[in-house]
Amino acid sequence: PGLGSVASINGQAVVKKQLLKRVVRNCNYWVNNKHDKTLNVYPVPRIIAQVNKRDGEKRTYQVLAENCEHFANEMRYNTAGNRAMDVGIGAEIAVIGFNILALFFGQR
């Protein structure tokens, strides 16, 4: 599929709180707080309280516009994203989308 196909993937998502190691299983991961130097960071207790309030919430999901990274930024920095942030992460999101699609279609 081309980028147009990835960009059209959207729908509803439900915020679900889970342990990180349950989500990533045996995959490698890293925490990326790359905007900490340029944006105000909420204190950790406030981030946790906000996330707990959103647990179970239904949200619009769009791979390139309203995805899990935007949600995490909203919780940590009180901003889902801005043009400067989105330009920098657009390619990363596309790669993640392609990897997810490859895993999905590879399992058929």
Protein backbone atom coordinates (compact mmCIF):
# COMPACT_ATOMS: atom_id res chain seq x y z
CA PRO A 1 0.00 0.00 0.00
CA GLY A 2 1.05 3.54 -0.68
CA LEU A 3 1.12 6.48 1.69
CA GLY A 4 -2.41 7.41 0.59
CA SER A 5 -3.62 4.10 1.96
CA VAL A 6 -1.92 4.67 5.28
CA ALA A 7 -3.25 8.23 5.54
CA SER A 8 -6.80 6.98 5.03
CA ILE A 9 -6.69 4.57 7.97
CA ASN A 10 -8.85 6.13 10.63
CA GLY A 11 -11.73 5.42 12.90
CA GLN A 12 -12.44 5.17 16.59
CA ALA A 13 -9.98 4.11 19.25
CA VAL A 14 -10.44 3.47 22.95
CA VAL A 15 -7.91 4.71 25.47
CA LYS A 16 -6.73 1.64 27.37
CA LYS A 17 -4.27 1.64 30.25
CA GLN A 18 -1.90 -1.34 30.16
CA LEU A 19 1.57 -2.22 31.37
CA LEU A 20 4.15 -1.24 28.76
CA LYS A 21 5.77 -4.67 28.71
CA ARG A 22 2.40 -6.26 27.97
CA VAL A 23 1.94 -3.99 24.96
CA VAL A 24 5.46 -4.31 23.52
CA ARG A 25 5.89 -7.98 24.49
CA ASN A 26 9.36 -9.01 23.31
CA CYS A 27 9.92 -6.00 21.05
CA ASN A 28 12.52 -3.35 21.70
CA TYR A 29 11.27 0.10 22.66
CA TRP A 30 12.51 3.43 23.97
CA VAL A 31 10.90 6.39 25.66
CA ASN A 32 11.10 9.49 23.50
CA ASN A 33 10.58 12.73 25.39
CA LYS A 34 12.20 14.79 22.65
CA HIS A 35 10.05 17.88 23.27
CA ASP A 36 10.99 18.22 26.95
CA LYS A 37 13.54 20.94 26.14
CA THR A 38 11.11 23.05 24.11
CA LEU A 39 7.70 22.51 25.77
CA ASN A 40 6.48 22.70 29.36
CA VAL A 41 6.20 19.24 30.89
CA TYR A 42 3.42 18.44 33.32
CA PRO A 43 4.49 16.85 36.62
CA VAL A 44 4.24 13.05 36.54
CA PRO A 45 1.36 12.84 39.08
CA ARG A 46 -0.70 15.19 36.90
CA ILE A 47 0.08 13.16 33.74
CA ILE A 48 -1.00 9.96 35.51
CA ALA A 49 -4.21 11.60 36.77
CA GLN A 50 -5.07 12.84 33.27
CA VAL A 51 -4.45 9.44 31.72
CA ASN A 52 -6.52 7.70 34.41
CA LYS A 53 -9.44 10.07 33.68
CA ARG A 54 -9.23 9.17 29.97
CA ASP A 55 -9.12 5.37 30.49
CA GLY A 56 -11.98 3.89 28.45
CA GLU A 57 -12.60 7.10 26.49
CA LYS A 58 -13.50 6.73 22.81
CA ARG A 59 -11.47 8.98 20.53
CA THR A 60 -11.07 9.66 16.84
CA TYR A 61 -7.98 7.92 15.46
CA GLN A 62 -6.11 8.91 12.33
CA VAL A 63 -2.68 7.47 11.60
CA LEU A 64 -1.09 10.77 10.58
CA ALA A 65 -3.18 13.32 12.48
CA GLU A 66 -4.69 11.98 15.72
CA ASN A 67 -2.63 8.99 16.76
CA CYS A 68 -1.15 7.59 19.96
CA GLU A 69 1.87 9.90 19.80
CA HIS A 70 -0.44 12.94 19.62
CA PHE A 71 -2.34 11.59 22.64
CA ALA A 72 0.89 11.09 24.59
CA ASN A 73 2.00 14.65 23.72
CA GLU A 74 -1.37 15.98 24.86
CA MET A 75 -1.00 14.20 28.20
CA ARG A 76 2.66 15.21 28.75
CA TYR A 77 2.77 18.73 27.26
CA ASN A 78 -0.89 19.84 27.07
CA THR A 79 -0.60 20.03 23.29
CA ALA A 80 -1.38 17.24 20.85
CA GLY A 81 1.07 18.68 18.39
CA ASN A 82 1.85 21.63 16.26
CA ARG A 83 3.18 22.18 12.76
CA ALA A 84 6.83 22.04 13.85
CA MET A 85 6.27 18.83 15.79
CA ASP A 86 4.21 17.20 13.04
CA VAL A 87 6.75 17.94 10.32
CA GLY A 88 9.43 16.23 12.38
CA ILE A 89 7.36 13.14 13.21
CA GLY A 90 5.40 12.72 9.97
CA ALA A 91 7.95 10.36 8.46
CA GLU A 92 8.25 8.40 11.71
CA ILE A 93 4.49 7.87 11.84
CA ALA A 94 4.42 6.75 8.20
CA VAL A 95 7.14 4.18 8.92
CA ILE A 96 5.27 2.92 11.98
CA GLY A 97 2.08 2.68 9.90
CA PHE A 98 3.84 0.69 7.20
CA ASN A 99 5.31 -1.66 9.82
CA ILE A 100 1.89 -2.23 11.36
CA LEU A 101 0.38 -2.93 7.95
CA ALA A 102 3.23 -5.31 7.10
CA LEU A 103 2.65 -7.22 10.34
CA PHE A 104 -1.11 -7.32 9.70
CA PHE A 105 -0.88 -8.53 6.12
CA GLY A 106 2.01 -10.87 6.94
CA GLN A 107 -0.20 -12.80 9.38
CA ARG A 108 -2.85 -13.68 6.80
